Amino acid sequence: MKPLPVTLALLALFLAASYQDLAVAAADADGVGSGAPVLDSVCEGKCKNRCSQKVAGRCMGLCMMCCGKCAGCVPSGPLAPKDECPCYRDMKSPKSGRPKCP
């Protein structure tokens, strides 16, 4: 086996892995979350707690979306400060610029 094709293949794999790490780091810097998949059951329990004192349908839908984008981070209770989860706190509605997450 010739060393040049093997070396090029290893170099390509290394560059691809480095690019992926940079993309994940950029997403984290944008406040999008870690990108790690979160089970709906995890978000559902956290959002039920968060929305327990609000209009459930709208609150649950928004909370589930925010939870999924923020790698499962949801403030710990219905009146807990959003500062517990910066990603959740910083998500804004594109039309109004108001906070998106309940």
N, C-alpha and C. Protein backbone atom coordinates (compact mmCIF):
# COMPACT_ATOMS: atom_id res chain seq x y z
N MET A 1 0.84 -1.17 0.00
CA MET A 1 0.00 0.00 0.00
C MET A 1 0.89 1.24 0.00
N LYS A 2 0.51 2.19 -0.81
CA LYS A 2 1.31 3.41 -0.90
C LYS A 2 0.93 4.35 0.25
N PRO A 3 1.92 5.01 0.85
CA PRO A 3 1.64 5.86 2.00
C PRO A 3 0.89 7.15 1.65
N LEU A 4 1.00 7.64 0.45
CA LEU A 4 0.36 8.91 0.11
C LEU A 4 -1.17 8.85 0.19
N PRO A 5 -1.85 7.85 -0.40
CA PRO A 5 -3.32 7.80 -0.29
C PRO A 5 -3.78 7.63 1.16
N VAL A 6 -3.07 6.85 1.94
CA VAL A 6 -3.44 6.65 3.34
C VAL A 6 -3.28 7.96 4.11
N THR A 7 -2.20 8.64 3.85
CA THR A 7 -1.94 9.92 4.51
C THR A 7 -3.02 10.94 4.14
N LEU A 8 -3.39 11.00 2.87
CA LEU A 8 -4.43 11.93 2.43
C LEU A 8 -5.78 11.59 3.06
N ALA A 9 -6.09 10.31 3.16
CA ALA A 9 -7.36 9.90 3.77
C ALA A 9 -7.39 10.29 5.25
N LEU A 10 -6.30 10.07 5.96
CA LEU A 10 -6.24 10.45 7.37
C LEU A 10 -6.34 11.97 7.55
N LEU A 11 -5.70 12.70 6.67
CA LEU A 11 -5.75 14.16 6.72
C LEU A 11 -7.18 14.65 6.48
N ALA A 12 -7.87 14.04 5.53
CA ALA A 12 -9.25 14.41 5.24
C ALA A 12 -10.15 14.14 6.45
N LEU A 13 -9.98 13.00 7.10
CA LEU A 13 -10.76 12.68 8.30
C LEU A 13 -10.48 13.68 9.42
N PHE A 14 -9.23 14.03 9.60
CA PHE A 14 -8.85 14.99 10.63
C PHE A 14 -9.48 16.35 10.36
N LEU A 15 -9.44 16.82 9.11
CA LEU A 15 -10.02 18.11 8.77
C LEU A 15 -11.53 18.11 8.94
N ALA A 16 -12.18 17.02 8.59
CA ALA A 16 -13.64 16.93 8.75
C ALA A 16 -14.02 16.99 10.22
N ALA A 17 -13.28 16.29 11.07
CA ALA A 17 -13.56 16.30 12.50
C ALA A 17 -13.31 17.69 13.08
N SER A 18 -12.27 18.36 12.64
CA SER A 18 -11.98 19.71 13.12
C SER A 18 -13.08 20.68 12.70
N TYR A 19 -13.55 20.56 11.49
CA TYR A 19 -14.61 21.44 11.00
C TYR A 19 -15.88 21.24 11.82
N GLN A 20 -16.21 20.00 12.15
CA GLN A 20 -17.41 19.71 12.94
C GLN A 20 -17.28 20.34 14.32
N ASP A 21 -16.12 20.24 14.96
CA ASP A 21 -15.91 20.85 16.27
C ASP A 21 -16.09 22.36 16.21
N LEU A 22 -15.61 22.99 15.14
CA LEU A 22 -15.76 24.43 14.98
C LEU A 22 -17.23 24.82 14.79
N ALA A 23 -17.98 24.02 14.05
CA ALA A 23 -19.39 24.30 13.83
C ALA A 23 -20.18 24.20 15.13
N VAL A 24 -19.89 23.21 15.95
CA VAL A 24 -20.56 23.05 17.23
C VAL A 24 -20.20 24.21 18.15
N ALA A 25 -18.95 24.60 18.17
CA ALA A 25 -18.52 25.73 19.01
C ALA A 25 -19.20 27.02 18.57
N ALA A 26 -19.36 27.22 17.28
CA ALA A 26 -20.02 28.43 16.79
C ALA A 26 -21.49 28.43 17.19
N ALA A 27 -22.14 27.29 17.14
CA ALA A 27 -23.54 27.21 17.55
C ALA A 27 -23.68 27.51 19.03
N ASP A 28 -22.76 27.03 19.85
CA ASP A 28 -22.79 27.31 21.28
C ASP A 28 -22.59 28.80 21.54
N ALA A 29 -21.72 29.43 20.79
CA ALA A 29 -21.45 30.85 20.97
C ALA A 29 -22.66 31.69 20.59
N ASP A 30 -23.48 31.19 19.66
CA ASP A 30 -24.68 31.91 19.25
C ASP A 30 -25.82 31.75 20.23
N GLY A 31 -25.64 30.94 21.26
CA GLY A 31 -26.69 30.73 22.24
C GLY A 31 -27.72 29.73 21.79
N VAL A 32 -27.38 28.89 20.85
CA VAL A 32 -28.33 27.94 20.32
C VAL A 32 -28.36 26.67 21.15
N GLY A 33 -27.44 26.43 21.98
CA GLY A 33 -27.39 25.22 22.79
C GLY A 33 -26.30 24.31 22.31
N SER A 34 -26.23 23.15 22.90
CA SER A 34 -25.13 22.26 22.57
C SER A 34 -25.38 21.44 21.32
N GLY A 35 -26.60 21.41 20.84
CA GLY A 35 -26.90 20.63 19.66
C GLY A 35 -27.09 19.16 19.97
N ALA A 36 -26.92 18.77 21.22
CA ALA A 36 -27.11 17.38 21.61
C ALA A 36 -28.60 17.05 21.57
N PRO A 37 -28.96 15.88 21.07
CA PRO A 37 -30.37 15.53 21.04
C PRO A 37 -30.94 15.40 22.45
N VAL A 38 -32.14 15.90 22.63
CA VAL A 38 -32.81 15.84 23.92
C VAL A 38 -34.10 15.05 23.74
N LEU A 39 -34.36 14.12 24.63
CA LEU A 39 -35.58 13.33 24.55
C LEU A 39 -36.79 14.20 24.85
N ASP A 40 -37.87 14.00 24.09
CA ASP A 40 -39.09 14.77 24.33
C ASP A 40 -39.61 14.57 25.75
N SER A 41 -39.41 13.37 26.30
CA SER A 41 -39.90 13.10 27.65
C SER A 41 -39.18 13.98 28.68
N VAL A 42 -37.91 14.28 28.44
CA VAL A 42 -37.16 15.15 29.35
C VAL A 42 -37.75 16.55 29.28
N CYS A 43 -37.93 17.07 28.08
CA CYS A 43 -38.48 18.41 27.91
C CYS A 43 -39.93 18.48 28.39
N GLU A 44 -40.68 17.43 28.15
CA GLU A 44 -42.09 17.44 28.54
C GLU A 44 -42.25 17.62 30.04
N GLY A 45 -41.47 16.89 30.82
CA GLY A 45 -41.56 17.00 32.28
C GLY A 45 -41.14 18.39 32.76
N LYS A 46 -40.06 18.91 32.19
CA LYS A 46 -39.57 20.23 32.59
C LYS A 46 -40.58 21.32 32.19
N CYS A 47 -41.16 21.18 30.99
CA CYS A 47 -42.10 22.19 30.51
C CYS A 47 -43.44 22.12 31.24
N LYS A 48 -43.87 20.94 31.64
CA LYS A 48 -45.09 20.84 32.45
C LYS A 48 -44.91 21.60 33.75
N ASN A 49 -43.74 21.47 34.34
CA ASN A 49 -43.45 22.20 35.57
C ASN A 49 -43.40 23.70 35.30
N ARG A 50 -42.71 24.10 34.23
CA ARG A 50 -42.57 25.52 33.90
C ARG A 50 -43.92 26.15 33.58
N CYS A 51 -44.80 25.43 32.90
CA CYS A 51 -46.08 25.98 32.45
C CYS A 51 -47.24 25.68 33.39
N SER A 52 -46.97 25.20 34.58
CA SER A 52 -48.04 24.77 35.49
C SER A 52 -48.96 25.92 35.90
N GLN A 53 -48.54 27.15 35.83
CA GLN A 53 -49.37 28.28 36.22
C GLN A 53 -49.72 29.18 35.04
N LYS A 54 -49.58 28.67 33.82
CA LYS A 54 -49.85 29.47 32.63
C LYS A 54 -50.83 28.75 31.73
N VAL A 55 -51.26 29.39 30.63
CA VAL A 55 -52.13 28.75 29.64
C VAL A 55 -51.33 27.63 29.00
N ALA A 56 -51.73 26.40 29.29
CA ALA A 56 -50.90 25.23 28.98
C ALA A 56 -50.59 25.03 27.50
N GLY A 57 -51.54 25.14 26.61
CA GLY A 57 -51.30 24.82 25.20
C GLY A 57 -50.21 25.65 24.57
N ARG A 58 -50.34 26.95 24.62
CA ARG A 58 -49.35 27.85 24.02
C ARG A 58 -48.02 27.76 24.77
N CYS A 59 -48.07 27.77 26.08
CA CYS A 59 -46.86 27.71 26.89
C CYS A 59 -46.09 26.41 26.61
N MET A 60 -46.78 25.30 26.58
CA MET A 60 -46.11 24.02 26.36
C MET A 60 -45.46 23.96 24.98
N GLY A 61 -46.14 24.45 23.97
CA GLY A 61 -45.58 24.42 22.62
C GLY A 61 -44.30 25.24 22.52
N LEU A 62 -44.33 26.44 23.07
CA LEU A 62 -43.15 27.30 23.03
C LEU A 62 -42.03 26.73 23.91
N CYS A 63 -42.40 26.25 25.07
CA CYS A 63 -41.40 25.70 25.99
C CYS A 63 -40.72 24.47 25.40
N MET A 64 -41.49 23.60 24.77
CA MET A 64 -40.90 22.39 24.16
C MET A 64 -39.92 22.77 23.05
N MET A 65 -40.27 23.78 22.25
CA MET A 65 -39.37 24.22 21.20
C MET A 65 -38.09 24.80 21.80
N CYS A 66 -38.24 25.64 22.80
CA CYS A 66 -37.07 26.26 23.44
C CYS A 66 -36.21 25.21 24.12
N CYS A 67 -36.83 24.28 24.80
CA CYS A 67 -36.10 23.21 25.49
C CYS A 67 -35.28 22.39 24.51
N GLY A 68 -35.87 22.04 23.38
CA GLY A 68 -35.15 21.27 22.37
C GLY A 68 -33.96 22.02 21.81
N LYS A 69 -34.11 23.31 21.57
CA LYS A 69 -33.01 24.11 21.03
C LYS A 69 -31.94 24.41 22.07
N CYS A 70 -32.31 24.36 23.33
CA CYS A 70 -31.38 24.71 24.41
C CYS A 70 -30.85 23.47 25.13
N ALA A 71 -30.84 22.34 24.46
CA ALA A 71 -30.28 21.09 24.99
C ALA A 71 -30.89 20.71 26.33
N GLY A 72 -32.21 20.91 26.46
CA GLY A 72 -32.91 20.45 27.66
C GLY A 72 -32.86 21.42 28.83
N CYS A 73 -32.36 22.61 28.63
CA CYS A 73 -32.29 23.58 29.72
C CYS A 73 -33.59 24.37 29.77
N VAL A 74 -34.30 24.27 30.89
CA VAL A 74 -35.53 25.00 31.14
C VAL A 74 -35.46 25.48 32.58
N PRO A 75 -35.84 26.74 32.87
CA PRO A 75 -35.84 27.19 34.26
C PRO A 75 -36.64 26.23 35.15
N SER A 76 -36.23 26.10 36.39
CA SER A 76 -36.69 25.02 37.27
C SER A 76 -38.13 25.09 37.73
N GLY A 77 -38.83 26.16 37.59
CA GLY A 77 -40.21 26.22 38.05
C GLY A 77 -40.98 27.30 37.32
N PRO A 78 -42.28 27.44 37.64
CA PRO A 78 -43.11 28.41 36.93
C PRO A 78 -42.68 29.86 37.14
N LEU A 79 -42.07 30.16 38.26
CA LEU A 79 -41.64 31.52 38.55
C LEU A 79 -40.12 31.66 38.64
N ALA A 80 -39.40 30.62 38.26
CA ALA A 80 -37.93 30.65 38.32
C ALA A 80 -37.39 31.64 37.30
N PRO A 81 -36.31 32.32 37.64
CA PRO A 81 -35.74 33.30 36.69
C PRO A 81 -35.15 32.60 35.46
N LYS A 82 -35.31 33.24 34.33
CA LYS A 82 -34.78 32.69 33.08
C LYS A 82 -33.26 32.68 33.07
N ASP A 83 -32.62 33.39 33.99
CA ASP A 83 -31.16 33.43 34.04
C ASP A 83 -30.56 32.05 34.33
N GLU A 84 -31.36 31.11 34.80
CA GLU A 84 -30.88 29.74 35.01
C GLU A 84 -30.44 29.11 33.69
N CYS A 85 -31.05 29.55 32.58
CA CYS A 85 -30.75 29.00 31.25
C CYS A 85 -30.56 30.15 30.27
N PRO A 86 -29.33 30.60 30.07
CA PRO A 86 -29.10 31.74 29.17
C PRO A 86 -29.63 31.54 27.75
N CYS A 87 -29.52 30.35 27.22
CA CYS A 87 -30.03 30.08 25.88
C CYS A 87 -31.54 30.31 25.84
N TYR A 88 -32.23 29.79 26.82
CA TYR A 88 -33.68 29.92 26.95
C TYR A 88 -34.05 31.39 27.12
N ARG A 89 -33.30 32.11 27.94
CA ARG A 89 -33.55 33.53 28.22
C ARG A 89 -33.35 34.39 26.98
N ASP A 90 -32.34 34.10 26.18
CA ASP A 90 -31.94 34.98 25.08
C ASP A 90 -32.66 34.73 23.76
N MET A 91 -33.47 33.68 23.66
CA MET A 91 -34.19 33.42 22.42
C MET A 91 -35.29 34.46 22.24
N LYS A 92 -35.31 35.10 21.06
CA LYS A 92 -36.27 36.18 20.79
C LYS A 92 -37.15 35.82 19.61
N SER A 93 -38.37 36.36 19.60
CA SER A 93 -39.29 36.20 18.49
C SER A 93 -38.78 37.07 17.33
N PRO A 94 -38.68 36.52 16.12
CA PRO A 94 -38.13 37.30 15.02
C PRO A 94 -38.99 38.50 14.63
N LYS A 95 -40.29 38.41 14.79
CA LYS A 95 -41.17 39.52 14.38
C LYS A 95 -41.17 40.66 15.39
N SER A 96 -41.36 40.34 16.67
CA SER A 96 -41.52 41.39 17.66
C SER A 96 -40.25 41.69 18.46
N GLY A 97 -39.30 40.75 18.45
CA GLY A 97 -38.09 40.93 19.24
C GLY A 97 -38.30 40.65 20.71
N ARG A 98 -39.51 40.23 21.07
CA ARG A 98 -39.81 39.90 22.46
C ARG A 98 -39.30 38.50 22.78
N PRO A 99 -39.15 38.20 24.07
CA PRO A 99 -38.69 36.85 24.45
C PRO A 99 -39.62 35.77 23.90
N LYS A 100 -39.04 34.72 23.36
CA LYS A 100 -39.81 33.65 22.74
C LYS A 100 -40.22 32.60 23.76
N CYS A 101 -39.36 32.33 24.72
CA CYS A 101 -39.60 31.24 25.66
C CYS A 101 -40.35 31.71 26.89
N PRO A 102 -41.38 30.93 27.30
CA PRO A 102 -42.18 31.33 28.48
C PRO A 102 -41.43 31.15 29.79
